[in-house]
């Protein structure tokens, strides 16, 4: 079948059997891949338009995942102490200790490159993988003293362009399950707290305990934060405020850990 003759219903018919089996995310990915093919077709004059644009809302959305997260300060402090007891890979231990400090997505931590860090400006600048195709907007992560100490020690063991390379190769980052398995080794299961849960923990406690404005933490989480006119703030805005926030957060974690 020529690409120019495919109609929206044809794409939908291909996705429906997968959707009916409960594989909602797979069905959505199929539609997304079809859209990429059509957009290539438009660029190469093989078809006139991306017909998947007519299918917005036609497929079921998978349920929102809620990741377990500890938000009680006493319990969070106990977990931080357990991270210090991790006796596996040094690089994995460093990643575990940076996650609560910087609360980036686990994939952003795993794919961190040394070239993205500016030790003089004490910043980590990267384009979030989740929004890379959509916006291409970089996120600036100010590095508190505690994070700088970890990275300064870690760079002495540098063996790859990746800050956290895989155990058996230097050309790939550590696997998606590495950090999750490390938490399990410490007795922290997915029903209690998850790697992604560090983001929820930070968002809750920074607002409730440290009394920072929500827009600062939302910006640091890499979320879109609109101003009074509905325009998204530039990712470089409020950098001084966010730097102060992350240092206060790191100091607060030290108190909880102690």
C-alpha atoms as a PDB file:
ATOM      1  CA  UNK A   1       0.000   0.000   0.000  1.00  0.00           C
ATOM      2  CA  UNK A   2       1.402   3.390  -1.000  1.00  0.00           C
ATOM      3  CA  UNK A   3       1.924   5.753   1.907  1.00  0.00           C
ATOM      4  CA  UNK A   4      -0.136   8.420   0.144  1.00  0.00           C
ATOM      5  CA  UNK A   5      -3.199   6.142   0.130  1.00  0.00           C
ATOM      6  CA  UNK A   6      -3.190   5.345   3.878  1.00  0.00           C
ATOM      7  CA  UNK A   7      -6.059   6.921   5.792  1.00  0.00           C
ATOM      8  CA  UNK A   8      -6.340   7.658   9.542  1.00  0.00           C
ATOM      9  CA  UNK A   9      -8.694   4.697   9.976  1.00  0.00           C
ATOM     10  CA  UNK A  10      -6.012   2.384   8.557  1.00  0.00           C
ATOM     11  CA  UNK A  11      -3.563   3.441  11.269  1.00  0.00           C
ATOM     12  CA  UNK A  12      -6.276   3.117  13.904  1.00  0.00           C
ATOM     13  CA  UNK A  13      -7.198  -0.385  12.712  1.00  0.00           C
ATOM     14  CA  UNK A  14      -3.554  -1.421  13.073  1.00  0.00           C
ATOM     15  CA  UNK A  15      -3.367  -0.079  16.642  1.00  0.00           C
ATOM     16  CA  UNK A  16      -6.733  -1.345  17.911  1.00  0.00           C
ATOM     17  CA  UNK A  17      -5.823  -5.057  18.300  1.00  0.00           C
ATOM     18  CA  UNK A  18      -2.797  -4.122  20.400  1.00  0.00           C
ATOM     19  CA  UNK A  19      -4.887  -1.710  22.471  1.00  0.00           C
ATOM     20  CA  UNK A  20      -7.601  -4.333  23.019  1.00  0.00           C
ATOM     21  CA  UNK A  21      -5.012  -6.660  24.606  1.00  0.00           C
ATOM     22  CA  UNK A  22      -4.224  -3.991  27.182  1.00  0.00           C
ATOM     23  CA  UNK A  23      -0.911  -2.836  25.700  1.00  0.00           C
ATOM     24  CA  UNK A  24      -1.918   0.829  25.743  1.00  0.00           C
ATOM     25  CA  UNK A  25       1.591   2.283  25.716  1.00  0.00           C
ATOM     26  CA  UNK A  26       2.581   0.034  22.793  1.00  0.00           C
ATOM     27  CA  UNK A  27      -0.449   1.151  20.797  1.00  0.00           C
ATOM     28  CA  UNK A  28       0.442   4.785  21.383  1.00  0.00           C
ATOM     29  CA  UNK A  29       4.041   4.117  20.326  1.00  0.00           C
ATOM     30  CA  UNK A  30       2.756   2.474  17.134  1.00  0.00           C
ATOM     31  CA  UNK A  31       0.775   5.619  16.317  1.00  0.00           C
ATOM     32  CA  UNK A  32       3.789   7.757  17.116  1.00  0.00           C
ATOM     33  CA  UNK A  33       6.048   5.696  14.826  1.00  0.00           C
ATOM     34  CA  UNK A  34       3.456   5.917  12.076  1.00  0.00           C
ATOM     35  CA  UNK A  35       3.500   9.684  12.511  1.00  0.00           C
ATOM     36  CA  UNK A  36       7.269   9.717  12.043  1.00  0.00           C
ATOM     37  CA  UNK A  37       6.875   7.764   8.801  1.00  0.00           C
ATOM     38  CA  UNK A  38       4.250  10.195   7.515  1.00  0.00           C
ATOM     39  CA  UNK A  39       6.335  13.228   8.406  1.00  0.00           C
ATOM     40  CA  UNK A  40       9.233  11.693   6.488  1.00  0.00           C
ATOM     41  CA  UNK A  41       6.802  11.093   3.642  1.00  0.00           C
ATOM     42  CA  UNK A  42       5.843  14.770   3.628  1.00  0.00           C
ATOM     43  CA  UNK A  43       9.516  15.801   3.571  1.00  0.00           C
ATOM     44  CA  UNK A  44      10.221  13.513   0.626  1.00  0.00           C
ATOM     45  CA  UNK A  45       7.000  14.393  -1.250  1.00  0.00           C
ATOM     46  CA  UNK A  46       5.615  10.862  -0.900  1.00  0.00           C
ATOM     47  CA  UNK A  47       2.445  12.105   0.819  1.00  0.00           C
ATOM     48  CA  UNK A  48       0.752  15.393   1.605  1.00  0.00           C
ATOM     49  CA  UNK A  49       0.258  15.252   5.373  1.00  0.00           C
ATOM     50  CA  UNK A  50       0.632  13.305   8.612  1.00  0.00           C
ATOM     51  CA  UNK A  51      -2.748  11.591   8.911  1.00  0.00           C
ATOM     52  CA  UNK A  52      -2.075  10.509  12.501  1.00  0.00           C
ATOM     53  CA  UNK A  53      -2.822  14.107  13.510  1.00  0.00           C
ATOM     54  CA  UNK A  54      -6.497  13.188  13.041  1.00  0.00           C
ATOM     55  CA  UNK A  55      -6.203  10.494  15.718  1.00  0.00           C
ATOM     56  CA  UNK A  56      -5.591  12.660  18.766  1.00  0.00           C
ATOM     57  CA  UNK A  57      -7.584  11.137  21.620  1.00  0.00           C
ATOM     58  CA  UNK A  58      -8.644   8.120  19.566  1.00  0.00           C
ATOM     59  CA  UNK A  59      -6.550   5.675  21.591  1.00  0.00           C
ATOM     60  CA  UNK A  60      -6.860   5.032  25.306  1.00  0.00           C
ATOM     61  CA  UNK A  61      -4.261   6.658  27.529  1.00  0.00           C
ATOM     62  CA  UNK A  62      -2.396   4.383  29.953  1.00  0.00           C
ATOM     63  CA  UNK A  63      -3.133   5.085  33.614  1.00  0.00           C
ATOM     64  CA  UNK A  64      -0.857   7.583  35.309  1.00  0.00           C
ATOM     65  CA  UNK A  65       1.891   5.881  37.277  1.00  0.00           C
ATOM     66  CA  UNK A  66       2.337   7.026  40.853  1.00  0.00           C
ATOM     67  CA  UNK A  67       5.790   6.226  42.163  1.00  0.00           C
ATOM     68  CA  UNK A  68       6.179   5.445  45.845  1.00  0.00           C
ATOM     69  CA  UNK A  69       8.013   8.195  47.686  1.00  0.00           C
ATOM     70  CA  UNK A  70       8.969   8.821  51.298  1.00  0.00           C
ATOM     71  CA  UNK A  71       7.991  12.322  52.434  1.00  0.00           C
ATOM     72  CA  UNK A  72       8.253  11.906  56.197  1.00  0.00           C
ATOM     73  CA  UNK A  73      11.482  13.631  57.317  1.00  0.00           C
ATOM     74  CA  UNK A  74      12.411  10.994  59.899  1.00  0.00           C
ATOM     75  CA  UNK A  75      11.882   8.110  57.476  1.00  0.00           C
ATOM     76  CA  UNK A  76      13.691  10.011  54.728  1.00  0.00           C
ATOM     77  CA  UNK A  77      16.669  10.572  57.029  1.00  0.00           C
ATOM     78  CA  UNK A  78      16.794   6.858  57.809  1.00  0.00           C
ATOM     79  CA  UNK A  79      16.833   6.085  54.083  1.00  0.00           C
ATOM     80  CA  UNK A  80      19.653   8.584  53.504  1.00  0.00           C
ATOM     81  CA  UNK A  81      21.712   6.816  56.167  1.00  0.00           C
ATOM     82  CA  UNK A  82      21.097   3.489  54.449  1.00  0.00           C
ATOM     83  CA  UNK A  83      22.466   4.909  51.183  1.00  0.00           C
ATOM     84  CA  UNK A  84      25.768   5.514  52.977  1.00  0.00           C
ATOM     85  CA  UNK A  85      25.869   1.785  53.764  1.00  0.00           C
ATOM     86  CA  UNK A  86      25.690   0.687  50.122  1.00  0.00           C
ATOM     87  CA  UNK A  87      28.699  -1.575  49.516  1.00  0.00           C
ATOM     88  CA  UNK A  88      28.401  -2.132  45.775  1.00  0.00           C
ATOM     89  CA  UNK A  89      29.996  -0.190  42.926  1.00  0.00           C
ATOM     90  CA  UNK A  90      31.458   3.193  43.894  1.00  0.00           C
ATOM     91  CA  UNK A  91      29.843   4.825  40.861  1.00  0.00           C
ATOM     92  CA  UNK A  92      26.426   3.408  41.754  1.00  0.00           C
ATOM     93  CA  UNK A  93      26.819   4.626  45.329  1.00  0.00           C
ATOM     94  CA  UNK A  94      27.635   8.112  44.068  1.00  0.00           C
ATOM     95  CA  UNK A  95      24.580   8.082  41.804  1.00  0.00           C
ATOM     96  CA  UNK A  96      22.397   6.997  44.730  1.00  0.00           C
ATOM     97  CA  UNK A  97      23.730   9.845  46.866  1.00  0.00           C
ATOM     98  CA  UNK A  98      23.220  12.431  44.104  1.00  0.00           C
ATOM     99  CA  UNK A  99      19.619  11.434  43.380  1.00  0.00           C
ATOM    100  CA  UNK A 100      18.095  12.930  46.562  1.00  0.00           C
ATOM    101  CA  UNK A 101      20.319  16.018  46.266  1.00  0.00           C
ATOM    102  CA  UNK A 102      19.485  16.862  42.645  1.00  0.00           C
ATOM    103  CA  UNK A 103      16.212  14.914  42.121  1.00  0.00           C
ATOM    104  CA  UNK A 104      16.574  14.639  38.343  1.00  0.00           C
ATOM    105  CA  UNK A 105      14.965  11.778  36.428  1.00  0.00           C
ATOM    106  CA  UNK A 106      16.933   8.552  36.684  1.00  0.00           C
ATOM    107  CA  UNK A 107      17.563   8.527  32.924  1.00  0.00           C
ATOM    108  CA  UNK A 108      19.036  12.024  33.129  1.00  0.00           C
ATOM    109  CA  UNK A 109      21.368  10.878  35.865  1.00  0.00           C
ATOM    110  CA  UNK A 110      22.368   7.721  33.986  1.00  0.00           C
ATOM    111  CA  UNK A 111      23.067   9.607  30.754  1.00  0.00           C
ATOM    112  CA  UNK A 112      24.987  12.447  32.434  1.00  0.00           C
ATOM    113  CA  UNK A 113      28.149  13.377  30.536  1.00  0.00           C
ATOM    114  CA  UNK A 114      31.213  14.941  32.103  1.00  0.00           C
ATOM    115  CA  UNK A 115      31.151  17.571  29.350  1.00  0.00           C
ATOM    116  CA  UNK A 116      27.793  18.821  30.676  1.00  0.00           C
ATOM    117  CA  UNK A 117      29.313  19.859  34.018  1.00  0.00           C
ATOM    118  CA  UNK A 118      30.916  23.234  34.635  1.00  0.00           C
ATOM    119  CA  UNK A 119      32.855  22.931  37.878  1.00  0.00           C
ATOM    120  CA  UNK A 120      33.761  26.622  37.869  1.00  0.00           C
ATOM    121  CA  UNK A 121      30.152  27.768  37.579  1.00  0.00           C
ATOM    122  CA  UNK A 122      29.015  24.788  39.675  1.00  0.00           C
ATOM    123  CA  UNK A 123      26.296  23.820  37.215  1.00  0.00           C
ATOM    124  CA  UNK A 124      25.106  20.788  35.291  1.00  0.00           C
ATOM    125  CA  UNK A 125      23.394  21.764  32.047  1.00  0.00           C
ATOM    126  CA  UNK A 126      21.598  19.269  29.827  1.00  0.00           C
ATOM    127  CA  UNK A 127      18.485  18.852  27.703  1.00  0.00           C
ATOM    128  CA  UNK A 128      15.990  16.589  29.496  1.00  0.00           C
ATOM    129  CA  UNK A 129      15.591  13.411  27.460  1.00  0.00           C
ATOM    130  CA  UNK A 130      11.825  13.420  28.066  1.00  0.00           C
ATOM    131  CA  UNK A 131      11.345  16.812  26.369  1.00  0.00           C
ATOM    132  CA  UNK A 132      14.331  16.803  23.992  1.00  0.00           C
ATOM    133  CA  UNK A 133      12.278  16.277  20.834  1.00  0.00           C
ATOM    134  CA  UNK A 134       9.485  18.608  21.905  1.00  0.00           C
ATOM    135  CA  UNK A 135      11.330  21.693  23.125  1.00  0.00           C
ATOM    136  CA  UNK A 136      15.088  21.185  23.044  1.00  0.00           C
ATOM    137  CA  UNK A 137      15.273  23.499  26.081  1.00  0.00           C
ATOM    138  CA  UNK A 138      18.182  22.904  28.431  1.00  0.00           C
ATOM    139  CA  UNK A 139      17.816  22.505  32.175  1.00  0.00           C
ATOM    140  CA  UNK A 140      20.379  24.090  34.479  1.00  0.00           C
ATOM    141  CA  UNK A 141      21.000  22.243  37.736  1.00  0.00           C
ATOM    142  CA  UNK A 142      22.938  24.324  40.295  1.00  0.00           C
ATOM    143  CA  UNK A 143      25.299  22.089  42.240  1.00  0.00           C
ATOM    144  CA  UNK A 144      25.275  22.448  46.036  1.00  0.00           C
ATOM    145  CA  UNK A 145      28.458  21.881  48.038  1.00  0.00           C
ATOM    146  CA  UNK A 146      27.508  18.296  48.842  1.00  0.00           C
ATOM    147  CA  UNK A 147      27.019  17.410  45.155  1.00  0.00           C
ATOM    148  CA  UNK A 148      30.320  19.075  44.255  1.00  0.00           C
ATOM    149  CA  UNK A 149      32.097  16.963  46.863  1.00  0.00           C
ATOM    150  CA  UNK A 150      30.661  13.752  45.396  1.00  0.00           C
ATOM    151  CA  UNK A 151      31.496  14.726  41.810  1.00  0.00           C
ATOM    152  CA  UNK A 152      35.002  15.899  42.719  1.00  0.00           C
ATOM    153  CA  UNK A 153      35.714  12.512  44.248  1.00  0.00           C
ATOM    154  CA  UNK A 154      33.997  10.653  41.416  1.00  0.00           C
ATOM    155  CA  UNK A 155      35.984  12.343  38.631  1.00  0.00           C
ATOM    156  CA  UNK A 156      39.165  10.875  40.117  1.00  0.00           C
ATOM    157  CA  UNK A 157      37.792   7.494  38.985  1.00  0.00           C
ATOM    158  CA  UNK A 158      36.695   8.713  35.537  1.00  0.00           C
ATOM    159  CA  UNK A 159      36.748   5.911  32.944  1.00  0.00           C
ATOM    160  CA  UNK A 160      34.213   7.138  30.391  1.00  0.00           C
ATOM    161  CA  UNK A 161      32.608  10.227  28.904  1.00  0.00           C
ATOM    162  CA  UNK A 162      29.562   9.067  30.858  1.00  0.00           C
ATOM    163  CA  UNK A 163      29.640  10.023  34.508  1.00  0.00           C
ATOM    164  CA  UNK A 164      27.954   6.707  35.309  1.00  0.00           C
ATOM    165  CA  UNK A 165      29.035   4.145  32.704  1.00  0.00           C
ATOM    166  CA  UNK A 166      27.853   0.565  32.639  1.00  0.00           C
ATOM    167  CA  UNK A 167      29.851  -1.884  34.717  1.00  0.00           C
ATOM    168  CA  UNK A 168      31.197  -3.892  31.768  1.00  0.00           C
ATOM    169  CA  UNK A 169      31.585  -1.161  29.125  1.00  0.00           C
ATOM    170  CA  UNK A 170      32.562   2.486  28.934  1.00  0.00           C
ATOM    171  CA  UNK A 171      30.514   3.362  25.846  1.00  0.00           C
ATOM    172  CA  UNK A 172      27.084   2.916  27.443  1.00  0.00           C
ATOM    173  CA  UNK A 173      25.560   4.367  30.622  1.00  0.00           C
ATOM    174  CA  UNK A 174      24.532   2.137  33.489  1.00  0.00           C
ATOM    175  CA  UNK A 175      21.337   0.224  32.839  1.00  0.00           C
ATOM    176  CA  UNK A 176      17.868   1.407  33.756  1.00  0.00           C
ATOM    177  CA  UNK A 177      17.524  -1.161  36.530  1.00  0.00           C
ATOM    178  CA  UNK A 178      20.888  -0.580  38.194  1.00  0.00           C
ATOM    179  CA  UNK A 179      19.725   2.072  40.649  1.00  0.00           C
ATOM    180  CA  UNK A 180      16.432   0.344  41.362  1.00  0.00           C
ATOM    181  CA  UNK A 181      18.239  -2.897  42.142  1.00  0.00           C
ATOM    182  CA  UNK A 182      20.650  -0.994  44.369  1.00  0.00           C
ATOM    183  CA  UNK A 183      17.715   0.295  46.438  1.00  0.00           C
ATOM    184  CA  UNK A 184      16.354  -3.231  46.715  1.00  0.00           C
ATOM    185  CA  UNK A 185      19.731  -4.456  47.972  1.00  0.00           C
ATOM    186  CA  UNK A 186      19.372  -1.907  50.756  1.00  0.00           C
ATOM    187  CA  UNK A 187      15.961  -3.278  51.661  1.00  0.00           C
ATOM    188  CA  UNK A 188      14.030  -0.403  50.063  1.00  0.00           C
ATOM    189  CA  UNK A 189      11.338  -1.960  47.893  1.00  0.00           C
ATOM    190  CA  UNK A 190       9.205  -0.299  45.244  1.00  0.00           C
ATOM    191  CA  UNK A 191       6.194  -0.113  47.558  1.00  0.00           C
ATOM    192  CA  UNK A 192       8.124   2.094  49.972  1.00  0.00           C
ATOM    193  CA  UNK A 193      10.257   4.310  47.766  1.00  0.00           C
ATOM    194  CA  UNK A 194      11.514   4.346  44.180  1.00  0.00           C
ATOM    195  CA  UNK A 195      14.315   6.081  42.324  1.00  0.00           C
ATOM    196  CA  UNK A 196      11.741   8.312  40.634  1.00  0.00           C
ATOM    197  CA  UNK A 197      10.263   8.936  44.080  1.00  0.00           C
ATOM    198  CA  UNK A 198      13.169  11.226  44.982  1.00  0.00           C
ATOM    199  CA  UNK A 199      11.518  13.836  42.755  1.00  0.00           C
ATOM    200  CA  UNK A 200       8.220  13.614  44.630  1.00  0.00           C
ATOM    201  CA  UNK A 201      10.013  13.636  47.977  1.00  0.00           C
ATOM    202  CA  UNK A 202      11.934  16.795  47.087  1.00  0.00           C
ATOM    203  CA  UNK A 203       8.881  18.542  45.671  1.00  0.00           C
ATOM    204  CA  UNK A 204       6.833  17.871  48.790  1.00  0.00           C
ATOM    205  CA  UNK A 205       9.439  18.630  51.443  1.00  0.00           C
ATOM    206  CA  UNK A 206      11.001  21.680  49.783  1.00  0.00           C
ATOM    207  CA  UNK A 207       7.590  23.337  49.632  1.00  0.00           C
ATOM    208  CA  UNK A 208       6.227  22.117  52.968  1.00  0.00           C
ATOM    209  CA  UNK A 209       9.377  22.118  55.105  1.00  0.00           C
ATOM    210  CA  UNK A 210      11.626  24.744  53.517  1.00  0.00           C
ATOM    211  CA  UNK A 211       8.758  27.005  52.358  1.00  0.00           C
ATOM    212  CA  UNK A 212      10.104  27.717  48.873  1.00  0.00           C
ATOM    213  CA  UNK A 213       7.725  28.876  46.147  1.00  0.00           C
ATOM    214  CA  UNK A 214       6.343  26.066  44.054  1.00  0.00           C
ATOM    215  CA  UNK A 215       7.507  27.664  40.818  1.00  0.00           C
ATOM    216  CA  UNK A 216      11.152  27.285  41.851  1.00  0.00           C
ATOM    217  CA  UNK A 217      10.883  23.570  42.553  1.00  0.00           C
ATOM    218  CA  UNK A 218       8.726  23.001  39.472  1.00  0.00           C
ATOM    219  CA  UNK A 219      11.302  24.700  37.291  1.00  0.00           C
ATOM    220  CA  UNK A 220      14.057  22.637  38.872  1.00  0.00           C
ATOM    221  CA  UNK A 221      12.055  19.482  38.175  1.00  0.00           C
ATOM    222  CA  UNK A 222      12.106  20.469  34.498  1.00  0.00           C
ATOM    223  CA  UNK A 223       8.357  21.090  34.376  1.00  0.00           C
ATOM    224  CA  UNK A 224       6.770  23.800  32.271  1.00  0.00           C
ATOM    225  CA  UNK A 225       5.941  26.737  34.537  1.00  0.00           C
ATOM    226  CA  UNK A 226       3.839  29.520  32.948  1.00  0.00           C
ATOM    227  CA  UNK A 227       4.016  33.153  34.053  1.00  0.00           C
ATOM    228  CA  UNK A 228       1.012  35.428  34.501  1.00  0.00           C
ATOM    229  CA  UNK A 229       0.648  35.683  30.723  1.00  0.00           C
ATOM    230  CA  UNK A 230       0.767  31.928  30.149  1.00  0.00           C
ATOM    231  CA  UNK A 231       4.307  31.958  28.778  1.00  0.00           C
ATOM    232  CA  UNK A 232       6.782  29.434  30.109  1.00  0.00           C
ATOM    233  CA  UNK A 233       9.631  30.825  32.161  1.00  0.00           C
ATOM    234  CA  UNK A 234      13.071  30.579  30.621  1.00  0.00           C
ATOM    235  CA  UNK A 235      15.032  27.713  32.205  1.00  0.00           C
ATOM    236  CA  UNK A 236      17.800  30.171  33.147  1.00  0.00           C
ATOM    237  CA  UNK A 237      15.436  32.383  35.137  1.00  0.00           C
ATOM    238  CA  UNK A 238      15.549  32.418  38.931  1.00  0.00           C
ATOM    239  CA  UNK A 239      18.891  30.620  38.832  1.00  0.00           C
ATOM    240  CA  UNK A 240      20.129  32.406  41.959  1.00  0.00           C
ATOM    241  CA  UNK A 241      16.948  31.475  43.822  1.00  0.00           C
ATOM    242  CA  UNK A 242      17.178  27.873  42.678  1.00  0.00           C
ATOM    243  CA  UNK A 243      20.856  27.701  43.628  1.00  0.00           C
ATOM    244  CA  UNK A 244      19.961  28.893  47.138  1.00  0.00           C
ATOM    245  CA  UNK A 245      17.087  26.395  47.248  1.00  0.00           C
ATOM    246  CA  UNK A 246      19.253  23.413  46.315  1.00  0.00           C
ATOM    247  CA  UNK A 247      21.917  24.376  48.857  1.00  0.00           C
ATOM    248  CA  UNK A 248      19.287  24.743  51.587  1.00  0.00           C
ATOM    249  CA  UNK A 249      17.830  21.394  50.528  1.00  0.00           C
ATOM    250  CA  UNK A 250      21.229  19.693  50.681  1.00  0.00           C
ATOM    251  CA  UNK A 251      21.888  21.169  54.133  1.00  0.00           C
ATOM    252  CA  UNK A 252      18.451  20.038  55.260  1.00  0.00           C
ATOM    253  CA  UNK A 253      19.208  16.496  54.081  1.00  0.00           C
ATOM    254  CA  UNK A 254      22.426  16.523  56.079  1.00  0.00           C
ATOM    255  CA  UNK A 255      20.404  17.382  59.187  1.00  0.00           C
ATOM    256  CA  UNK A 256      17.925  14.606  58.481  1.00  0.00           C
ATOM    257  CA  UNK A 257      20.731  12.128  57.890  1.00  0.00           C
ATOM    258  CA  UNK A 258      22.404  13.126  61.166  1.00  0.00           C
END
